[in-house]
Structures are given as C-alpha cells and as structure tokens.
Amino acid sequence: MELFRYGPPGAERPAVRHDGREHDLTPLTPDLDGAFFAADGIERVAAALAAGELPEADTAGQRIGSPIARPAAVVCIGMNYAAHAAESGAAPPEYPVVFLKHPGCVVGPDDEVILPPGSVKTDWEVELAVVMKRTPRYLSDPAEALDYVAGYALSNDVSERRFQLEVSGGQWSKGKCAETFNPLGPVLRPAAEIRPDRLRLRSWVNGEPRQDSSTADMVFSVPELIVHLSHHMLLLPGDVINTGTPEGVALSGRFPYLKAGDVVSMEIDGLGRQEQKVVDYQP
C-alpha cells in the first residue's frame, strides 16, 4: 500500500495505490497529515480498501506532491552512517547529531531544487525518512519505538555546505532550510510493510552514480533514534525524521557540487524514486 498526494502545490489531494490501482482518499480524510496518522488513518485506509469503499482516482499526468502535508517539524540526524562520517573527516558520533530543517522547505519528489543566491556548495543527500504516528515520551526500550511510526518515505536532505559550515556560527540550519531543500516522496509506505534496517539507498547526478549503501550502515538505528529524540523533544504525529545520509556526497571532495541544469535522482528499496532539476533562483 502506497499513500501519496497529487495535484498543484497547496492543493494536493490524498490517494492510495494498491494492487496496481489508485484510489481517492478524500472520503476518509481531507489530507495526509498529523491528525490523519494519529487517528489510525493508515488502518482505516486498509479497511476501506478491503471493503471496496474507495472510488478510483485518475492521477495520470498530475504533479506528485510530498506524501504528507507540511509537518510541524523536520528533525534531521547528521553523520549517521559510519562511512559518511569518515568521508567528512570525523569519527562516528557518540550520540546522535540532531538539527532541524524548516518545514517550509518540504516539496514534492520531482519539484525543482532552487539554488539560493550565493550558493556555491549545494549538495545532495539520499535519506530514509520516518513519519511519526504518535508522540513518544521518554522511551527506554528500542523494541517499542517502532510502534510510534506511521511509515517511511524517501527524502533528499539538500544542503548548502558553505552556509552550513563556513558562515553558520556553529549551527547547521542556515545550510539546510532554503526553499525546496527537502524533496520528499513519492510515496509513504506503512511501517508494517517496511524493514528500516536493511534498505538499499542510491543517488545519481546527471545519471552518474554517487551514493550506493544500506541502512545497515547506520550508526544509530531508527528505534535508537526515536528513543533518543523522545528524551529531547516533543515529536508530533506527522513529524518527519531524516535519518542521515551515506557516503558519496560532494562534501567528500570526490564530486563537484550542484549547479543549475544538473539533475539529481535517488531511490530507496520499496519507497520509489525521485528526480529534481537544479535551477538558479529567479526573483
């Protein structure tokens, strides 16, 4: 079962793809958001599909939006793959490195990525995104952490490294929050259908391979991240956790940074593929 949203920016409609057919979800919910996930929305969709209660949807030729409406928070984990930490010149962290992206940078999976004025080091980062179903509070057992997850999606944590590291004042958010800097989707797969610890992640720039790794290389697993975050912030239904990127980014020095005209593609097993054209900002 794949949940997704389609239509123009700001006017997306919720839908589900199941057994090769697409169905309209507006009889169940106006959108795929925190209220939907908290109210057992995914379970209600499954029941409605089984009962044949959902009308078919025609999404041919439509833009695909982010699979969730704007989250309250996008929480990101830095240097969470051992090989990526090494290519960044750092040892794997003792504790999760946590920073935030502004929710306004979340866009559809195939929307353009806009280079902000002054950008000279914009980078790609394929990541597994976790979407929360309910709020975890001060968890201690990783075995219970996945009960709080609604599902998973493919995320590109676009980063401007000069803003992030050279003019940041010690915080990363300046390089992470520009408009369009978090393509998400194309789909959300329910947590019960995805095993988050053995997923292959890949990225390409202009068709040339960049990243090819597995979530098995994570320093902190998805359950461990949820336990840790539950002690430091209030995660709300519909919030997104970007769980870190593997080796193969431009920051490594092995590849050039992005420029206008480049095309970034990425995919994760079971979560689909996304592709963005990079463009300069136009006032």
Protein backbone atom coordinates (compact mmCIF):
# COMPACT_ATOMS: atom_id res chain seq x y z
CA MET A 1 0.00 0.00 0.00
CA GLU A 2 1.42 3.37 -1.08
CA LEU A 3 -0.05 6.62 0.19
CA PHE A 4 0.60 9.74 -1.86
CA ARG A 5 -0.66 13.23 -2.68
CA TYR A 6 -1.14 14.68 -6.13
CA GLY A 7 -2.07 18.00 -7.70
CA PRO A 8 -0.75 21.59 -7.73
CA PRO A 9 1.29 22.90 -4.80
CA GLY A 10 -1.04 23.83 -1.96
CA ALA A 11 -3.98 21.97 -3.49
CA GLU A 12 -2.85 18.35 -3.33
CA ARG A 13 -5.36 15.53 -2.90
CA PRO A 14 -4.69 12.36 -0.88
CA ALA A 15 -4.69 8.99 -2.62
CA VAL A 16 -3.57 5.40 -2.20
CA ARG A 17 -2.11 2.88 -4.65
CA HIS A 18 -2.89 -0.76 -4.00
CA ASP A 19 -2.69 -3.82 -6.26
CA GLY A 20 -1.91 -1.60 -9.24
CA ARG A 21 -4.97 0.62 -8.80
CA GLU A 22 -5.21 4.16 -7.43
CA HIS A 23 -7.99 5.30 -5.11
CA ASP A 24 -9.18 8.68 -3.87
CA LEU A 25 -8.86 9.15 -0.11
CA THR A 26 -10.96 12.29 0.27
CA PRO A 27 -13.95 10.23 1.51
CA LEU A 28 -11.76 9.35 4.51
CA THR A 29 -9.60 12.44 5.04
CA PRO A 30 -9.01 15.89 3.53
CA ASP A 31 -5.24 15.33 3.66
CA LEU A 32 -2.40 13.10 4.83
CA ASP A 33 -1.37 14.98 7.95
CA GLY A 34 -0.74 14.53 11.65
CA ALA A 35 -4.43 14.29 12.52
CA PHE A 36 -4.88 11.54 9.92
CA PHE A 37 -1.96 9.45 11.21
CA ALA A 38 -2.90 9.93 14.89
CA ALA A 39 -6.45 8.73 14.23
CA ASP A 40 -5.28 5.35 12.84
CA GLY A 41 -5.61 6.69 9.31
CA ILE A 42 -3.48 4.01 7.69
CA GLU A 43 -5.52 1.25 9.32
CA ARG A 44 -8.74 2.93 8.18
CA VAL A 45 -7.43 3.11 4.62
CA ALA A 46 -6.63 -0.60 4.68
CA ALA A 47 -10.12 -1.41 5.96
CA ALA A 48 -11.77 0.79 3.33
CA LEU A 49 -9.74 -0.85 0.57
CA ALA A 50 -10.72 -4.30 1.78
CA ALA A 51 -14.38 -3.27 1.81
CA GLY A 52 -14.19 -1.71 -1.67
CA GLU A 53 -15.36 1.65 -0.32
CA LEU A 54 -12.88 3.97 -2.04
CA PRO A 55 -13.52 5.44 -5.51
CA GLU A 56 -10.79 5.19 -8.10
CA ALA A 57 -8.59 8.22 -8.74
CA ASP A 58 -7.18 9.44 -12.04
CA THR A 59 -3.71 10.81 -11.38
CA ALA A 60 -2.29 10.48 -14.89
CA GLY A 61 -0.17 13.49 -15.80
CA GLN A 62 -0.58 15.05 -12.36
CA ARG A 63 2.23 16.50 -10.28
CA ILE A 64 3.10 14.34 -7.26
CA GLY A 65 3.46 16.26 -4.01
CA SER A 66 5.08 15.38 -0.72
CA PRO A 67 3.28 12.29 0.67
CA ILE A 68 2.41 14.22 3.82
CA ALA A 69 1.07 17.71 4.30
CA ARG A 70 3.53 20.17 5.83
CA PRO A 71 4.86 18.61 9.07
CA ALA A 72 5.23 20.59 12.25
CA ALA A 73 8.91 19.61 12.37
CA VAL A 74 11.58 18.00 10.20
CA VAL A 75 14.19 16.56 12.56
CA CYS A 76 17.49 15.55 10.97
CA ILE A 77 20.34 13.32 12.05
CA GLY A 78 23.89 14.17 11.00
CA MET A 79 26.77 11.78 10.32
CA ASN A 80 24.63 8.72 10.99
CA TYR A 81 26.43 6.43 8.54
CA ALA A 82 29.89 5.26 9.51
CA ALA A 83 31.36 5.66 6.02
CA HIS A 84 29.85 9.13 5.60
CA ALA A 85 31.35 10.26 8.91
CA ALA A 86 34.73 9.02 7.68
CA GLU A 87 34.48 10.88 4.35
CA SER A 88 33.57 14.03 6.32
CA GLY A 89 36.77 13.67 8.33
CA ALA A 90 35.04 12.74 11.59
CA ALA A 91 34.73 9.71 13.80
CA PRO A 92 31.24 8.23 14.19
CA PRO A 93 29.43 10.31 16.83
CA GLU A 94 28.99 9.05 20.38
CA TYR A 95 25.46 10.48 20.46
CA PRO A 96 23.11 11.34 17.59
CA VAL A 97 23.85 14.70 15.96
CA VAL A 98 20.48 16.48 15.76
CA PHE A 99 19.44 19.55 13.78
CA LEU A 100 16.19 20.89 12.34
CA LYS A 101 15.02 21.85 8.87
CA HIS A 102 12.26 24.42 8.42
CA PRO A 103 9.08 22.54 7.35
CA GLY A 104 8.62 25.09 4.58
CA CYS A 105 11.45 23.50 2.59
CA VAL A 106 9.47 20.25 2.07
CA VAL A 107 8.37 19.90 -1.57
CA GLY A 108 7.31 17.17 -3.96
CA PRO A 109 9.73 14.46 -5.07
CA ASP A 110 10.15 15.78 -8.61
CA ASP A 111 9.88 19.52 -7.96
CA GLU A 112 12.81 21.74 -8.92
CA VAL A 113 15.58 22.39 -6.40
CA ILE A 114 16.31 26.12 -6.33
CA LEU A 115 19.86 27.28 -5.68
CA PRO A 116 19.76 30.23 -3.27
CA PRO A 117 21.70 33.36 -4.24
CA GLY A 118 25.35 32.98 -3.25
CA SER A 119 25.24 29.19 -3.27
CA VAL A 120 28.49 27.56 -4.35
CA LYS A 121 28.38 24.27 -2.41
CA THR A 122 24.89 22.81 -2.68
CA ASP A 123 24.91 19.07 -2.05
CA TRP A 124 22.55 16.08 -2.32
CA GLU A 125 21.77 13.57 0.48
CA VAL A 126 19.59 10.49 -0.02
CA GLU A 127 17.93 9.59 3.29
CA LEU A 128 15.30 7.34 4.83
CA ALA A 129 12.53 9.50 6.29
CA VAL A 130 10.46 8.31 9.25
CA VAL A 131 6.95 9.74 9.67
CA MET A 132 5.53 9.68 13.19
CA LYS A 133 2.10 8.29 14.08
CA ARG A 134 2.03 9.35 17.72
CA THR A 135 4.22 11.08 20.29
CA PRO A 136 6.92 9.05 22.06
CA ARG A 137 7.76 10.32 25.53
CA TYR A 138 10.95 9.33 27.38
CA LEU A 139 11.20 5.85 25.90
CA SER A 140 13.78 3.45 27.25
CA ASP A 141 13.27 0.33 25.14
CA PRO A 142 14.07 0.45 21.40
CA ALA A 143 11.83 -2.58 20.94
CA GLU A 144 8.76 -0.41 21.47
CA ALA A 145 9.92 2.57 19.40
CA LEU A 146 8.58 1.41 16.03
CA ASP A 147 5.04 1.35 17.48
CA TYR A 148 5.15 5.15 17.18
CA VAL A 149 5.93 5.16 13.44
CA ALA A 150 3.28 5.69 10.76
CA GLY A 151 5.51 4.88 7.83
CA TYR A 152 8.59 5.61 5.75
CA ALA A 153 9.45 7.73 2.72
CA LEU A 154 12.39 8.75 0.54
CA SER A 155 13.96 12.11 1.38
CA ASN A 156 16.61 14.36 -0.15
CA ASP A 157 18.21 16.48 2.58
CA VAL A 158 19.60 19.14 0.25
CA SER A 159 22.41 21.08 1.92
CA GLU A 160 24.39 24.23 1.10
CA ARG A 161 27.72 23.36 2.70
CA ARG A 162 29.21 26.88 2.75
CA PHE A 163 26.15 28.20 4.55
CA GLN A 164 26.13 25.12 6.81
CA LEU A 165 29.77 25.04 7.82
CA GLU A 166 31.53 28.31 6.95
CA VAL A 167 29.04 31.07 7.78
CA SER A 168 26.89 29.15 10.23
CA GLY A 169 28.15 30.42 13.56
CA GLY A 170 28.27 26.80 14.72
CA GLN A 171 24.73 25.74 13.76
CA TRP A 172 23.85 23.83 10.59
CA SER A 173 20.38 25.20 9.88
CA LYS A 174 21.49 28.03 7.58
CA GLY A 175 22.63 25.45 5.04
CA LYS A 176 19.60 23.21 5.39
CA CYS A 177 16.45 25.32 5.24
CA ALA A 178 16.35 27.07 1.88
CA GLU A 179 13.19 26.89 -0.22
CA THR A 180 12.86 23.44 -1.93
CA PHE A 181 15.67 21.93 0.18
CA ASN A 182 13.72 18.80 1.16
CA PRO A 183 12.09 16.88 -1.69
CA LEU A 184 10.04 14.10 -0.08
CA GLY A 185 8.34 11.08 -1.58
CA PRO A 186 6.88 9.98 -3.95
CA VAL A 187 5.04 7.70 -1.54
CA LEU A 188 4.67 6.80 2.11
CA ARG A 189 4.72 3.09 2.87
CA PRO A 190 3.12 1.92 6.13
CA ALA A 191 5.54 0.93 8.87
CA ALA A 192 4.27 -2.66 8.87
CA GLU A 193 5.41 -3.11 5.26
CA ILE A 194 9.00 -1.85 5.59
CA ARG A 195 12.00 -3.16 7.50
CA PRO A 196 14.06 0.01 8.04
CA ASP A 197 17.39 -1.65 8.87
CA ARG A 198 18.14 -3.34 5.52
CA LEU A 199 17.19 -0.85 2.81
CA ARG A 200 19.39 -0.01 -0.16
CA LEU A 201 19.80 3.75 -0.82
CA ARG A 202 21.18 5.15 -4.09
CA SER A 203 21.66 8.53 -5.73
CA TRP A 204 22.84 9.83 -9.11
CA VAL A 205 23.75 13.24 -10.55
CA ASN A 206 23.21 13.57 -14.29
CA GLY A 207 22.93 9.79 -14.45
CA GLU A 208 26.32 9.20 -12.80
CA PRO A 209 26.31 7.11 -9.59
CA ARG A 210 27.01 8.94 -6.34
CA GLN A 211 25.68 7.03 -3.32
CA ASP A 212 25.05 3.30 -3.00
CA SER A 213 24.70 2.00 0.53
CA SER A 214 22.36 0.35 3.00
CA THR A 215 20.63 1.48 6.16
CA ALA A 216 22.56 -1.38 7.77
CA ASP A 217 25.50 1.09 7.89
CA MET A 218 23.61 3.44 10.23
CA VAL A 219 25.47 4.33 13.42
CA PHE A 220 22.12 4.69 15.26
CA SER A 221 19.17 2.61 14.10
CA VAL A 222 15.67 4.01 13.62
CA PRO A 223 14.46 2.64 17.00
CA GLU A 224 17.54 4.04 18.76
CA LEU A 225 16.97 7.45 17.19
CA ILE A 226 13.34 7.54 18.31
CA VAL A 227 14.29 6.59 21.86
CA HIS A 228 16.97 9.30 21.93
CA LEU A 229 14.75 12.01 20.45
CA SER A 230 11.91 11.16 22.85
CA HIS A 231 14.09 12.49 25.68
CA HIS A 232 14.88 15.78 23.96
CA MET A 233 11.81 16.99 22.04
CA LEU A 234 8.10 16.53 21.53
CA LEU A 235 7.66 14.62 18.29
CA LEU A 236 4.12 15.10 16.96
CA PRO A 237 2.06 12.94 14.61
CA GLY A 238 3.08 13.74 11.05
CA ASP A 239 6.56 14.95 12.01
CA VAL A 240 9.44 13.73 9.86
CA ILE A 241 12.81 12.35 10.95
CA ASN A 242 15.52 12.40 8.25
CA THR A 243 17.80 9.64 9.47
CA GLY A 244 21.09 10.63 7.83
CA THR A 245 22.88 10.04 4.53
CA PRO A 246 25.51 7.51 3.45
CA GLU A 247 28.86 8.25 1.82
CA GLY A 248 29.07 9.67 -1.70
CA VAL A 249 28.16 13.35 -1.32
CA ALA A 250 30.01 16.32 -2.78
CA LEU A 251 31.31 17.26 0.68
CA SER A 252 33.66 14.28 0.35
CA GLY A 253 35.69 16.18 -2.27
CA ARG A 254 35.22 13.37 -4.79
CA PHE A 255 32.44 15.05 -6.75
CA PRO A 256 31.53 18.60 -7.84
CA TYR A 257 28.76 20.46 -6.08
CA LEU A 258 25.45 21.02 -7.83
CA LYS A 259 24.95 23.73 -10.46
CA ALA A 260 21.96 24.93 -12.45
CA GLY A 261 20.98 22.37 -15.07
CA ASP A 262 22.06 19.32 -13.04
CA VAL A 263 19.56 16.53 -12.45
CA VAL A 264 19.58 14.66 -9.12
CA SER A 265 17.96 11.21 -8.91
CA MET A 266 17.61 8.95 -5.92
CA GLU A 267 15.77 5.87 -4.74
CA ILE A 268 15.33 3.58 -1.76
CA ASP A 269 14.14 -0.02 -1.97
CA GLY A 270 10.36 -0.13 -1.65
CA LEU A 271 9.97 3.64 -1.39
CA GLY A 272 10.19 4.70 -5.02
CA ARG A 273 12.33 7.11 -6.97
CA GLN A 274 12.54 10.89 -7.15
CA GLU A 275 14.26 13.26 -9.56
CA GLN A 276 14.87 17.01 -9.39
CA LYS A 277 16.28 19.52 -11.85
CA VAL A 278 18.53 22.11 -10.21
CA VAL A 279 17.77 25.72 -11.15
CA ASP A 280 19.00 29.17 -10.16
CA TYR A 281 16.75 31.37 -8.06
CA GLN A 282 14.74 33.80 -10.16
CA PRO A 283 13.30 36.86 -8.34
